[in-house]
C-alpha cells in the first residue's frame, strides 16, 4: 500500500539512490523552469531542443523503430560555461509542462561514481545503472535522464590504447551502447539528454545513436549584453543603485570588452567587478561602469593565458 504522504522525489536522500544516480526530481519544477527562461541562447536553439524532446514522447511510443530509428538521445556540445547543463535541466521541466497530468521526472547521473580500478567492475556498474536503475525509474512514467560529461561513460575507443587504458573502460563504452539500444526498444517514454565539453572524446557509435546533436556556442554580442543587463538587473533588486547600470546603454561597452567570453564568465565578471574596490565590496550600490570594464579586461587576459597554455 502506498503511503498517504510519499516523500517528494527531489527530496529523496542521495544515500537511498542506486549507485550512479545523483538525484531524482519530479517535473515540472519551478526552479528549473526559471532556469530555462533565464538562460540566454539563440531562440532557435531552445525551439529545436524543445521540439525534439516533445517528439520523443509523441512519436516514439506510436511508431516502430524499424520505421523511424529513434534512440531517445539528445547531445549538447560546446565549450565550458555555455549553459549546456542548465539547458538540459530546464529542457526537462519545459517538456514536462507541456504534457499536463503526466508524472514526469528528471534523473541525474553521476558518471564518476561508476568507475573502478577493479577489472570488470566499471562495466558491471554501467550495465546495472542502465538495465536496472534507469529502466526501473523509467517504468514508473515519462523520464528524462541527464548524462553530464557523457564522454566519461562513452569514451572514444579509437583514441584509447589498451596499454594506457584498462580494457574495462573499453567494455564500459560497449555496455552503454548496448543498453541504449535495449532501452530504446523497451522504454519509448525515456529521453536521455547528454552534455560534453569535449566532443572529440565521445565515441562515434554513441554520437550516431543521438537523435539530435546540437552545438551550444558562446554568447553573441547581443546575447552578452543581455546576460550582463539581466545579471545587473537581478542585483538591483537588492542593491537598487545598480539599476542605473542595468538600464544604461553603457552596458554595450562592457559587452564589447567581454566579447568571446562564455555566459558563466560574464556573470562572474560582474561579481569580480564588485570585488575590485573595498568601497563596492562593502556597498555594491557604488558599482561603476569603469569597474565592469576593468573586470572584463581582466577576464579577457585570463582567457588568453588559459588558451596559451592549452595550445
C-alpha atoms as a PDB file:
ATOM      1  CA  UNK A   1       0.000   0.000   0.000  1.00  0.00           C
ATOM      2  CA  UNK A   2       1.277   3.478  -0.889  1.00  0.00           C
ATOM      3  CA  UNK A   3       1.919   5.859   1.999  1.00  0.00           C
ATOM      4  CA  UNK A   4      -0.594   8.679   2.220  1.00  0.00           C
ATOM      5  CA  UNK A   5       2.121  11.337   2.020  1.00  0.00           C
ATOM      6  CA  UNK A   6       5.022   9.995  -0.056  1.00  0.00           C
ATOM      7  CA  UNK A   7       8.315  11.863   0.073  1.00  0.00           C
ATOM      8  CA  UNK A   8       8.684  14.166  -2.963  1.00  0.00           C
ATOM      9  CA  UNK A   9      11.130  12.715  -5.463  1.00  0.00           C
ATOM     10  CA  UNK A  10      13.507  15.651  -5.297  1.00  0.00           C
ATOM     11  CA  UNK A  11      13.756  15.283  -1.507  1.00  0.00           C
ATOM     12  CA  UNK A  12      14.839  11.629  -1.558  1.00  0.00           C
ATOM     13  CA  UNK A  13      18.188  11.266   0.214  1.00  0.00           C
ATOM     14  CA  UNK A  14      21.129  10.605  -2.091  1.00  0.00           C
ATOM     15  CA  UNK A  15      22.056   7.747   0.236  1.00  0.00           C
ATOM     16  CA  UNK A  16      18.840   5.966  -0.762  1.00  0.00           C
ATOM     17  CA  UNK A  17      19.507   6.243  -4.506  1.00  0.00           C
ATOM     18  CA  UNK A  18      21.161   3.495  -6.564  1.00  0.00           C
ATOM     19  CA  UNK A  19      24.839   3.787  -7.389  1.00  0.00           C
ATOM     20  CA  UNK A  20      25.389   6.233 -10.223  1.00  0.00           C
ATOM     21  CA  UNK A  21      22.125   8.146  -9.660  1.00  0.00           C
ATOM     22  CA  UNK A  22      22.862  11.596  -8.265  1.00  0.00           C
ATOM     23  CA  UNK A  23      19.288  12.852  -7.893  1.00  0.00           C
ATOM     24  CA  UNK A  24      15.663  12.252  -8.891  1.00  0.00           C
ATOM     25  CA  UNK A  25      13.319  15.215  -9.186  1.00  0.00           C
ATOM     26  CA  UNK A  26       9.626  15.454 -10.034  1.00  0.00           C
ATOM     27  CA  UNK A  27       8.667  17.580 -13.050  1.00  0.00           C
ATOM     28  CA  UNK A  28       7.710  20.210 -13.963  1.00  0.00           C
ATOM     29  CA  UNK A  29       9.784  22.140 -11.446  1.00  0.00           C
ATOM     30  CA  UNK A  30       9.507  25.898 -10.837  1.00  0.00           C
ATOM     31  CA  UNK A  31      13.236  26.327 -10.205  1.00  0.00           C
ATOM     32  CA  UNK A  32      14.184  24.541 -13.414  1.00  0.00           C
ATOM     33  CA  UNK A  33      11.512  26.427 -15.360  1.00  0.00           C
ATOM     34  CA  UNK A  34      13.083  29.698 -14.178  1.00  0.00           C
ATOM     35  CA  UNK A  35      16.494  28.481 -15.363  1.00  0.00           C
ATOM     36  CA  UNK A  36      15.057  27.630 -18.792  1.00  0.00           C
ATOM     37  CA  UNK A  37      13.597  31.126 -19.079  1.00  0.00           C
ATOM     38  CA  UNK A  38      16.693  32.909 -17.804  1.00  0.00           C
ATOM     39  CA  UNK A  39      19.450  31.235 -19.794  1.00  0.00           C
ATOM     40  CA  UNK A  40      20.389  33.333 -22.820  1.00  0.00           C
ATOM     41  CA  UNK A  41      20.899  31.397 -26.064  1.00  0.00           C
ATOM     42  CA  UNK A  42      19.590  31.919 -29.578  1.00  0.00           C
ATOM     43  CA  UNK A  43      15.822  31.300 -29.702  1.00  0.00           C
ATOM     44  CA  UNK A  44      16.151  28.721 -32.462  1.00  0.00           C
ATOM     45  CA  UNK A  45      18.330  26.557 -30.184  1.00  0.00           C
ATOM     46  CA  UNK A  46      15.660  26.385 -27.477  1.00  0.00           C
ATOM     47  CA  UNK A  47      12.939  25.744 -30.042  1.00  0.00           C
ATOM     48  CA  UNK A  48      14.948  22.954 -31.699  1.00  0.00           C
ATOM     49  CA  UNK A  49      15.670  21.298 -28.357  1.00  0.00           C
ATOM     50  CA  UNK A  50      12.081  21.523 -27.161  1.00  0.00           C
ATOM     51  CA  UNK A  51      10.707  20.257 -30.466  1.00  0.00           C
ATOM     52  CA  UNK A  52      12.979  17.203 -30.416  1.00  0.00           C
ATOM     53  CA  UNK A  53      12.168  16.440 -26.776  1.00  0.00           C
ATOM     54  CA  UNK A  54       8.411  16.708 -27.353  1.00  0.00           C
ATOM     55  CA  UNK A  55       8.641  14.466 -30.421  1.00  0.00           C
ATOM     56  CA  UNK A  56      10.307  11.846 -28.260  1.00  0.00           C
ATOM     57  CA  UNK A  57       7.091  11.488 -26.243  1.00  0.00           C
ATOM     58  CA  UNK A  58       4.564  11.903 -29.062  1.00  0.00           C
ATOM     59  CA  UNK A  59       6.159   9.857 -31.849  1.00  0.00           C
ATOM     60  CA  UNK A  60       8.337   7.156 -30.302  1.00  0.00           C
ATOM     61  CA  UNK A  61       5.568   5.343 -28.357  1.00  0.00           C
ATOM     62  CA  UNK A  62       3.465   5.059 -31.532  1.00  0.00           C
ATOM     63  CA  UNK A  63       5.933   4.371 -34.339  1.00  0.00           C
ATOM     64  CA  UNK A  64       8.100   1.286 -34.821  1.00  0.00           C
ATOM     65  CA  UNK A  65      11.853   1.831 -34.646  1.00  0.00           C
ATOM     66  CA  UNK A  66      12.052  -0.087 -37.905  1.00  0.00           C
ATOM     67  CA  UNK A  67      10.295   2.897 -39.470  1.00  0.00           C
ATOM     68  CA  UNK A  68      11.984   5.724 -37.542  1.00  0.00           C
ATOM     69  CA  UNK A  69      15.133   4.570 -35.688  1.00  0.00           C
ATOM     70  CA  UNK A  70      14.928   6.986 -32.773  1.00  0.00           C
ATOM     71  CA  UNK A  71      17.045   6.247 -29.690  1.00  0.00           C
ATOM     72  CA  UNK A  72      15.707   8.991 -27.434  1.00  0.00           C
ATOM     73  CA  UNK A  73      19.082  10.734 -27.073  1.00  0.00           C
ATOM     74  CA  UNK A  74      19.927  14.448 -27.404  1.00  0.00           C
ATOM     75  CA  UNK A  75      23.554  15.593 -27.205  1.00  0.00           C
ATOM     76  CA  UNK A  76      24.547  19.163 -26.274  1.00  0.00           C
ATOM     77  CA  UNK A  77      28.147  20.058 -27.124  1.00  0.00           C
ATOM     78  CA  UNK A  78      30.169  23.218 -26.676  1.00  0.00           C
ATOM     79  CA  UNK A  79      32.824  24.998 -24.607  1.00  0.00           C
ATOM     80  CA  UNK A  80      32.588  25.079 -20.798  1.00  0.00           C
ATOM     81  CA  UNK A  81      30.331  27.776 -19.376  1.00  0.00           C
ATOM     82  CA  UNK A  82      27.896  27.979 -22.284  1.00  0.00           C
ATOM     83  CA  UNK A  83      24.976  26.659 -20.231  1.00  0.00           C
ATOM     84  CA  UNK A  84      24.636  23.098 -21.521  1.00  0.00           C
ATOM     85  CA  UNK A  85      23.767  21.516 -18.173  1.00  0.00           C
ATOM     86  CA  UNK A  86      21.385  24.340 -17.280  1.00  0.00           C
ATOM     87  CA  UNK A  87      19.695  23.984 -20.660  1.00  0.00           C
ATOM     88  CA  UNK A  88      19.363  20.232 -20.188  1.00  0.00           C
ATOM     89  CA  UNK A  89      17.715  20.618 -16.775  1.00  0.00           C
ATOM     90  CA  UNK A  90      15.465  23.405 -17.972  1.00  0.00           C
ATOM     91  CA  UNK A  91      14.502  21.415 -21.061  1.00  0.00           C
ATOM     92  CA  UNK A  92      13.310  18.547 -18.870  1.00  0.00           C
ATOM     93  CA  UNK A  93      10.945  20.856 -16.996  1.00  0.00           C
ATOM     94  CA  UNK A  94       9.822  22.656 -20.165  1.00  0.00           C
ATOM     95  CA  UNK A  95       8.790  19.463 -21.936  1.00  0.00           C
ATOM     96  CA  UNK A  96       7.059  18.101 -18.815  1.00  0.00           C
ATOM     97  CA  UNK A  97       4.969  21.277 -18.544  1.00  0.00           C
ATOM     98  CA  UNK A  98       3.510  20.614 -21.996  1.00  0.00           C
ATOM     99  CA  UNK A  99       2.119  17.203 -21.020  1.00  0.00           C
ATOM    100  CA  UNK A 100      -0.482  18.012 -18.384  1.00  0.00           C
ATOM    101  CA  UNK A 101      -1.234  15.248 -15.907  1.00  0.00           C
ATOM    102  CA  UNK A 102       1.845  13.171 -16.761  1.00  0.00           C
ATOM    103  CA  UNK A 103       4.152  12.161 -13.914  1.00  0.00           C
ATOM    104  CA  UNK A 104       7.489  13.222 -15.392  1.00  0.00           C
ATOM    105  CA  UNK A 105      10.769  13.002 -13.521  1.00  0.00           C
ATOM    106  CA  UNK A 106      14.353  14.110 -14.063  1.00  0.00           C
ATOM    107  CA  UNK A 107      17.115  11.645 -13.214  1.00  0.00           C
ATOM    108  CA  UNK A 108      20.680  12.973 -12.994  1.00  0.00           C
ATOM    109  CA  UNK A 109      23.547  10.519 -13.399  1.00  0.00           C
ATOM    110  CA  UNK A 110      26.911  10.841 -11.640  1.00  0.00           C
ATOM    111  CA  UNK A 111      29.265   9.082 -14.086  1.00  0.00           C
ATOM    112  CA  UNK A 112      32.276   9.363 -11.779  1.00  0.00           C
ATOM    113  CA  UNK A 113      30.559   7.144  -9.203  1.00  0.00           C
ATOM    114  CA  UNK A 114      30.699   4.238 -11.645  1.00  0.00           C
ATOM    115  CA  UNK A 115      34.425   3.990 -12.283  1.00  0.00           C
ATOM    116  CA  UNK A 116      36.536   1.413 -10.510  1.00  0.00           C
ATOM    117  CA  UNK A 117      40.124   0.215 -10.707  1.00  0.00           C
ATOM    118  CA  UNK A 118      38.993  -3.386 -10.283  1.00  0.00           C
ATOM    119  CA  UNK A 119      38.708  -5.351 -13.513  1.00  0.00           C
ATOM    120  CA  UNK A 120      35.145  -5.702 -14.744  1.00  0.00           C
ATOM    121  CA  UNK A 121      33.552  -3.515 -12.064  1.00  0.00           C
ATOM    122  CA  UNK A 122      33.126  -0.370 -14.181  1.00  0.00           C
ATOM    123  CA  UNK A 123      31.464  -2.305 -16.983  1.00  0.00           C
ATOM    124  CA  UNK A 124      29.206  -4.070 -14.491  1.00  0.00           C
ATOM    125  CA  UNK A 125      28.267  -0.836 -12.738  1.00  0.00           C
ATOM    126  CA  UNK A 126      27.406   0.864 -16.050  1.00  0.00           C
ATOM    127  CA  UNK A 127      25.332  -2.115 -17.147  1.00  0.00           C
ATOM    128  CA  UNK A 128      23.395  -2.181 -13.871  1.00  0.00           C
ATOM    129  CA  UNK A 129      22.806   1.574 -13.966  1.00  0.00           C
ATOM    130  CA  UNK A 130      21.106   1.421 -17.353  1.00  0.00           C
ATOM    131  CA  UNK A 131      19.470  -2.006 -17.344  1.00  0.00           C
ATOM    132  CA  UNK A 132      18.219  -1.889 -13.749  1.00  0.00           C
ATOM    133  CA  UNK A 133      18.205   1.558 -12.109  1.00  0.00           C
ATOM    134  CA  UNK A 134      17.257   3.724 -15.090  1.00  0.00           C
ATOM    135  CA  UNK A 135      14.913   1.100 -16.522  1.00  0.00           C
ATOM    136  CA  UNK A 136      13.091   0.790 -13.200  1.00  0.00           C
ATOM    137  CA  UNK A 137      12.704   4.556 -12.833  1.00  0.00           C
ATOM    138  CA  UNK A 138      11.522   4.892 -16.437  1.00  0.00           C
ATOM    139  CA  UNK A 139       8.908   2.164 -15.908  1.00  0.00           C
ATOM    140  CA  UNK A 140       7.120   4.458 -13.456  1.00  0.00           C
ATOM    141  CA  UNK A 141       6.407   7.154 -16.068  1.00  0.00           C
ATOM    142  CA  UNK A 142       7.936   9.580 -18.575  1.00  0.00           C
ATOM    143  CA  UNK A 143      11.573  10.137 -17.624  1.00  0.00           C
ATOM    144  CA  UNK A 144      14.392  12.467 -18.686  1.00  0.00           C
ATOM    145  CA  UNK A 145      17.921  11.326 -17.813  1.00  0.00           C
ATOM    146  CA  UNK A 146      20.743  13.850 -17.713  1.00  0.00           C
ATOM    147  CA  UNK A 147      24.115  12.393 -18.689  1.00  0.00           C
ATOM    148  CA  UNK A 148      26.535  15.197 -17.846  1.00  0.00           C
ATOM    149  CA  UNK A 149      30.114  14.799 -19.143  1.00  0.00           C
ATOM    150  CA  UNK A 150      28.959  11.870 -21.242  1.00  0.00           C
ATOM    151  CA  UNK A 151      32.498  11.283 -22.563  1.00  0.00           C
ATOM    152  CA  UNK A 152      33.183   9.736 -19.144  1.00  0.00           C
ATOM    153  CA  UNK A 153      30.728   6.943 -19.953  1.00  0.00           C
ATOM    154  CA  UNK A 154      31.124   6.748 -23.733  1.00  0.00           C
ATOM    155  CA  UNK A 155      34.820   7.432 -24.311  1.00  0.00           C
ATOM    156  CA  UNK A 156      36.081   7.249 -27.875  1.00  0.00           C
ATOM    157  CA  UNK A 157      37.534   3.749 -28.073  1.00  0.00           C
ATOM    158  CA  UNK A 158      39.543   4.570 -31.213  1.00  0.00           C
ATOM    159  CA  UNK A 159      41.579   7.113 -29.240  1.00  0.00           C
ATOM    160  CA  UNK A 160      42.342   4.819 -26.309  1.00  0.00           C
ATOM    161  CA  UNK A 161      45.292   2.458 -26.188  1.00  0.00           C
ATOM    162  CA  UNK A 162      44.889  -0.742 -24.233  1.00  0.00           C
ATOM    163  CA  UNK A 163      48.282  -0.075 -22.656  1.00  0.00           C
ATOM    164  CA  UNK A 164      47.209   3.280 -21.181  1.00  0.00           C
ATOM    165  CA  UNK A 165      43.538   2.470 -20.516  1.00  0.00           C
ATOM    166  CA  UNK A 166      42.144  -0.612 -18.779  1.00  0.00           C
ATOM    167  CA  UNK A 167      40.141  -2.881 -21.062  1.00  0.00           C
ATOM    168  CA  UNK A 168      37.278  -2.342 -18.615  1.00  0.00           C
ATOM    169  CA  UNK A 169      36.925   1.262 -19.836  1.00  0.00           C
ATOM    170  CA  UNK A 170      36.519  -0.015 -23.400  1.00  0.00           C
ATOM    171  CA  UNK A 171      33.925  -2.509 -22.232  1.00  0.00           C
ATOM    172  CA  UNK A 172      32.071   0.184 -20.278  1.00  0.00           C
ATOM    173  CA  UNK A 173      31.539   2.099 -23.528  1.00  0.00           C
ATOM    174  CA  UNK A 174      30.319  -1.131 -25.119  1.00  0.00           C
ATOM    175  CA  UNK A 175      27.861  -1.557 -22.236  1.00  0.00           C
ATOM    176  CA  UNK A 176      26.484   1.982 -22.693  1.00  0.00           C
ATOM    177  CA  UNK A 177      25.840   1.368 -26.389  1.00  0.00           C
ATOM    178  CA  UNK A 178      24.171  -1.995 -25.803  1.00  0.00           C
ATOM    179  CA  UNK A 179      21.927  -0.561 -23.090  1.00  0.00           C
ATOM    180  CA  UNK A 180      20.943   2.470 -25.185  1.00  0.00           C
ATOM    181  CA  UNK A 181      19.739   0.098 -27.893  1.00  0.00           C
ATOM    182  CA  UNK A 182      17.849  -2.056 -25.398  1.00  0.00           C
ATOM    183  CA  UNK A 183      16.186   0.881 -23.637  1.00  0.00           C
ATOM    184  CA  UNK A 184      15.242   2.476 -26.959  1.00  0.00           C
ATOM    185  CA  UNK A 185      13.192  -0.635 -27.687  1.00  0.00           C
ATOM    186  CA  UNK A 186      11.701  -1.217 -24.245  1.00  0.00           C
ATOM    187  CA  UNK A 187      11.127   2.329 -22.893  1.00  0.00           C
ATOM    188  CA  UNK A 188       9.829   4.753 -25.545  1.00  0.00           C
ATOM    189  CA  UNK A 189       8.976   7.324 -22.860  1.00  0.00           C
ATOM    190  CA  UNK A 190      12.612   7.638 -21.810  1.00  0.00           C
ATOM    191  CA  UNK A 191      14.750  10.553 -23.032  1.00  0.00           C
ATOM    192  CA  UNK A 192      18.491  10.963 -22.472  1.00  0.00           C
ATOM    193  CA  UNK A 193      19.968  14.464 -22.619  1.00  0.00           C
ATOM    194  CA  UNK A 194      23.769  14.271 -22.684  1.00  0.00           C
ATOM    195  CA  UNK A 195      26.325  17.072 -22.447  1.00  0.00           C
ATOM    196  CA  UNK A 196      30.004  17.284 -23.303  1.00  0.00           C
ATOM    197  CA  UNK A 197      32.747  19.913 -23.351  1.00  0.00           C
ATOM    198  CA  UNK A 198      34.935  17.585 -25.430  1.00  0.00           C
ATOM    199  CA  UNK A 199      33.051  16.285 -28.449  1.00  0.00           C
ATOM    200  CA  UNK A 200      36.214  14.715 -29.861  1.00  0.00           C
ATOM    201  CA  UNK A 201      36.395  12.453 -26.778  1.00  0.00           C
ATOM    202  CA  UNK A 202      32.970  10.853 -27.383  1.00  0.00           C
ATOM    203  CA  UNK A 203      32.769   7.505 -29.136  1.00  0.00           C
ATOM    204  CA  UNK A 204      31.390   7.817 -32.663  1.00  0.00           C
ATOM    205  CA  UNK A 205      28.986   4.953 -32.082  1.00  0.00           C
ATOM    206  CA  UNK A 206      27.346   6.972 -29.280  1.00  0.00           C
ATOM    207  CA  UNK A 207      27.058  10.088 -31.441  1.00  0.00           C
ATOM    208  CA  UNK A 208      25.480   8.042 -34.238  1.00  0.00           C
ATOM    209  CA  UNK A 209      22.729   6.972 -31.828  1.00  0.00           C
ATOM    210  CA  UNK A 210      21.812  10.585 -30.977  1.00  0.00           C
ATOM    211  CA  UNK A 211      18.579  11.863 -32.500  1.00  0.00           C
ATOM    212  CA  UNK A 212      19.857  15.433 -32.243  1.00  0.00           C
ATOM    213  CA  UNK A 213      23.404  16.752 -31.823  1.00  0.00           C
ATOM    214  CA  UNK A 214      23.492  20.488 -31.259  1.00  0.00           C
ATOM    215  CA  UNK A 215      26.338  22.900 -30.605  1.00  0.00           C
ATOM    216  CA  UNK A 216      25.837  25.479 -27.852  1.00  0.00           C
ATOM    217  CA  UNK A 217      28.111  28.381 -28.853  1.00  0.00           C
ATOM    218  CA  UNK A 218      29.494  31.203 -26.706  1.00  0.00           C
ATOM    219  CA  UNK A 219      27.114  34.185 -26.470  1.00  0.00           C
ATOM    220  CA  UNK A 220      26.812  36.540 -29.419  1.00  0.00           C
ATOM    221  CA  UNK A 221      27.485  40.256 -28.727  1.00  0.00           C
ATOM    222  CA  UNK A 222      23.750  40.853 -28.327  1.00  0.00           C
ATOM    223  CA  UNK A 223      23.424  37.853 -26.015  1.00  0.00           C
ATOM    224  CA  UNK A 224      26.427  39.001 -23.945  1.00  0.00           C
ATOM    225  CA  UNK A 225      24.787  42.387 -23.486  1.00  0.00           C
ATOM    226  CA  UNK A 226      21.534  40.692 -22.467  1.00  0.00           C
ATOM    227  CA  UNK A 227      23.302  38.461 -19.928  1.00  0.00           C
ATOM    228  CA  UNK A 228      25.103  41.402 -18.355  1.00  0.00           C
ATOM    229  CA  UNK A 229      21.936  43.529 -18.210  1.00  0.00           C
ATOM    230  CA  UNK A 230      19.982  40.627 -16.739  1.00  0.00           C
ATOM    231  CA  UNK A 231      22.626  39.978 -14.068  1.00  0.00           C
ATOM    232  CA  UNK A 232      22.801  43.661 -13.112  1.00  0.00           C
ATOM    233  CA  UNK A 233      19.005  43.937 -13.018  1.00  0.00           C
ATOM    234  CA  UNK A 234      18.787  40.952 -10.688  1.00  0.00           C
ATOM    235  CA  UNK A 235      21.394  42.514  -8.381  1.00  0.00           C
ATOM    236  CA  UNK A 236      19.436  45.777  -8.463  1.00  0.00           C
ATOM    237  CA  UNK A 237      16.538  44.043  -6.699  1.00  0.00           C
ATOM    238  CA  UNK A 238      18.743  44.037  -3.603  1.00  0.00           C
ATOM    239  CA  UNK A 239      21.035  46.976  -4.404  1.00  0.00           C
ATOM    240  CA  UNK A 240      18.804  49.500  -6.231  1.00  0.00           C
ATOM    241  CA  UNK A 241      21.582  51.848  -7.386  1.00  0.00           C
ATOM    242  CA  UNK A 242      22.943  49.117  -9.660  1.00  0.00           C
ATOM    243  CA  UNK A 243      19.747  49.506 -11.672  1.00  0.00           C
ATOM    244  CA  UNK A 244      21.166  52.623 -13.323  1.00  0.00           C
ATOM    245  CA  UNK A 245      23.853  50.439 -14.938  1.00  0.00           C
ATOM    246  CA  UNK A 246      21.440  47.698 -15.971  1.00  0.00           C
ATOM    247  CA  UNK A 247      19.309  50.204 -17.876  1.00  0.00           C
ATOM    248  CA  UNK A 248      22.263  52.113 -19.339  1.00  0.00           C
ATOM    249  CA  UNK A 249      23.406  51.963 -22.937  1.00  0.00           C
ATOM    250  CA  UNK A 250      26.917  51.736 -21.464  1.00  0.00           C
ATOM    251  CA  UNK A 251      26.367  48.006 -20.999  1.00  0.00           C
ATOM    252  CA  UNK A 252      27.189  47.727 -24.699  1.00  0.00           C
ATOM    253  CA  UNK A 253      30.682  48.997 -23.902  1.00  0.00           C
ATOM    254  CA  UNK A 254      31.142  46.268 -21.298  1.00  0.00           C
ATOM    255  CA  UNK A 255      29.781  43.654 -23.696  1.00  0.00           C
ATOM    256  CA  UNK A 256      32.303  44.743 -26.343  1.00  0.00           C
ATOM    257  CA  UNK A 257      35.123  44.480 -23.821  1.00  0.00           C
ATOM    258  CA  UNK A 258      33.853  40.996 -22.895  1.00  0.00           C
ATOM    259  CA  UNK A 259      33.463  39.706 -26.470  1.00  0.00           C
ATOM    260  CA  UNK A 260      34.032  35.946 -26.703  1.00  0.00           C
ATOM    261  CA  UNK A 261      33.568  35.183 -23.002  1.00  0.00           C
ATOM    262  CA  UNK A 262      31.112  32.430 -22.060  1.00  0.00           C
ATOM    263  CA  UNK A 263      27.922  33.056 -20.117  1.00  0.00           C
ATOM    264  CA  UNK A 264      29.272  31.792 -16.799  1.00  0.00           C
ATOM    265  CA  UNK A 265      32.319  34.044 -17.047  1.00  0.00           C
ATOM    266  CA  UNK A 266      30.125  37.023 -17.945  1.00  0.00           C
ATOM    267  CA  UNK A 267      28.131  36.618 -14.739  1.00  0.00           C
ATOM    268  CA  UNK A 268      31.272  36.109 -12.662  1.00  0.00           C
ATOM    269  CA  UNK A 269      32.680  39.227 -14.303  1.00  0.00           C
ATOM    270  CA  UNK A 270      30.015  41.271 -12.508  1.00  0.00           C
ATOM    271  CA  UNK A 271      30.975  39.711  -9.177  1.00  0.00           C
ATOM    272  CA  UNK A 272      34.655  40.340  -9.872  1.00  0.00           C
ATOM    273  CA  UNK A 273      33.849  43.977 -10.657  1.00  0.00           C
ATOM    274  CA  UNK A 274      32.246  44.321  -7.224  1.00  0.00           C
ATOM    275  CA  UNK A 275      35.368  42.920  -5.583  1.00  0.00           C
ATOM    276  CA  UNK A 276      37.810  45.286  -7.303  1.00  0.00           C
ATOM    277  CA  UNK A 277      37.404  48.027  -4.685  1.00  0.00           C
ATOM    278  CA  UNK A 278      36.685  47.771  -0.977  1.00  0.00           C
ATOM    279  CA  UNK A 279      34.038  50.500  -1.437  1.00  0.00           C
ATOM    280  CA  UNK A 280      31.965  48.353  -3.809  1.00  0.00           C
ATOM    281  CA  UNK A 281      32.609  45.220  -1.770  1.00  0.00           C
ATOM    282  CA  UNK A 282      31.180  46.998   1.275  1.00  0.00           C
ATOM    283  CA  UNK A 283      28.364  48.631  -0.686  1.00  0.00           C
ATOM    284  CA  UNK A 284      27.567  47.148  -4.125  1.00  0.00           C
ATOM    285  CA  UNK A 285      25.399  50.202  -4.846  1.00  0.00           C
ATOM    286  CA  UNK A 286      28.675  52.042  -5.615  1.00  0.00           C
ATOM    287  CA  UNK A 287      29.465  49.855  -8.632  1.00  0.00           C
ATOM    288  CA  UNK A 288      30.560  51.931 -11.648  1.00  0.00           C
ATOM    289  CA  UNK A 289      30.903  51.304 -15.366  1.00  0.00           C
ATOM    290  CA  UNK A 290      34.696  51.535 -15.083  1.00  0.00           C
ATOM    291  CA  UNK A 291      34.667  48.619 -12.606  1.00  0.00           C
ATOM    292  CA  UNK A 292      32.828  46.441 -15.092  1.00  0.00           C
ATOM    293  CA  UNK A 293      35.136  47.344 -17.979  1.00  0.00           C
ATOM    294  CA  UNK A 294      38.226  46.635 -15.845  1.00  0.00           C
ATOM    295  CA  UNK A 295      36.792  43.257 -14.801  1.00  0.00           C
ATOM    296  CA  UNK A 296      36.029  42.435 -18.445  1.00  0.00           C
ATOM    297  CA  UNK A 297      39.593  43.236 -19.473  1.00  0.00           C
ATOM    298  CA  UNK A 298      40.946  41.064 -16.637  1.00  0.00           C
ATOM    299  CA  UNK A 299      38.709  38.180 -17.735  1.00  0.00           C
ATOM    300  CA  UNK A 300      39.988  38.507 -21.300  1.00  0.00           C
ATOM    301  CA  UNK A 301      43.592  38.404 -20.083  1.00  0.00           C
ATOM    302  CA  UNK A 302      42.863  35.280 -18.045  1.00  0.00           C
ATOM    303  CA  UNK A 303      41.244  33.632 -21.070  1.00  0.00           C
ATOM    304  CA  UNK A 304      44.266  34.460 -23.260  1.00  0.00           C
ATOM    305  CA  UNK A 305      46.627  32.886 -20.721  1.00  0.00           C
ATOM    306  CA  UNK A 306      44.462  29.748 -20.469  1.00  0.00           C
ATOM    307  CA  UNK A 307      44.266  29.363 -24.243  1.00  0.00           C
ATOM    308  CA  UNK A 308      48.027  29.869 -24.485  1.00  0.00           C
ATOM    309  CA  UNK A 309      48.656  27.006 -22.055  1.00  0.00           C
ATOM    310  CA  UNK A 310      46.282  24.721 -23.983  1.00  0.00           C
ATOM    311  CA  UNK A 311      47.881  25.487 -27.370  1.00  0.00           C
END
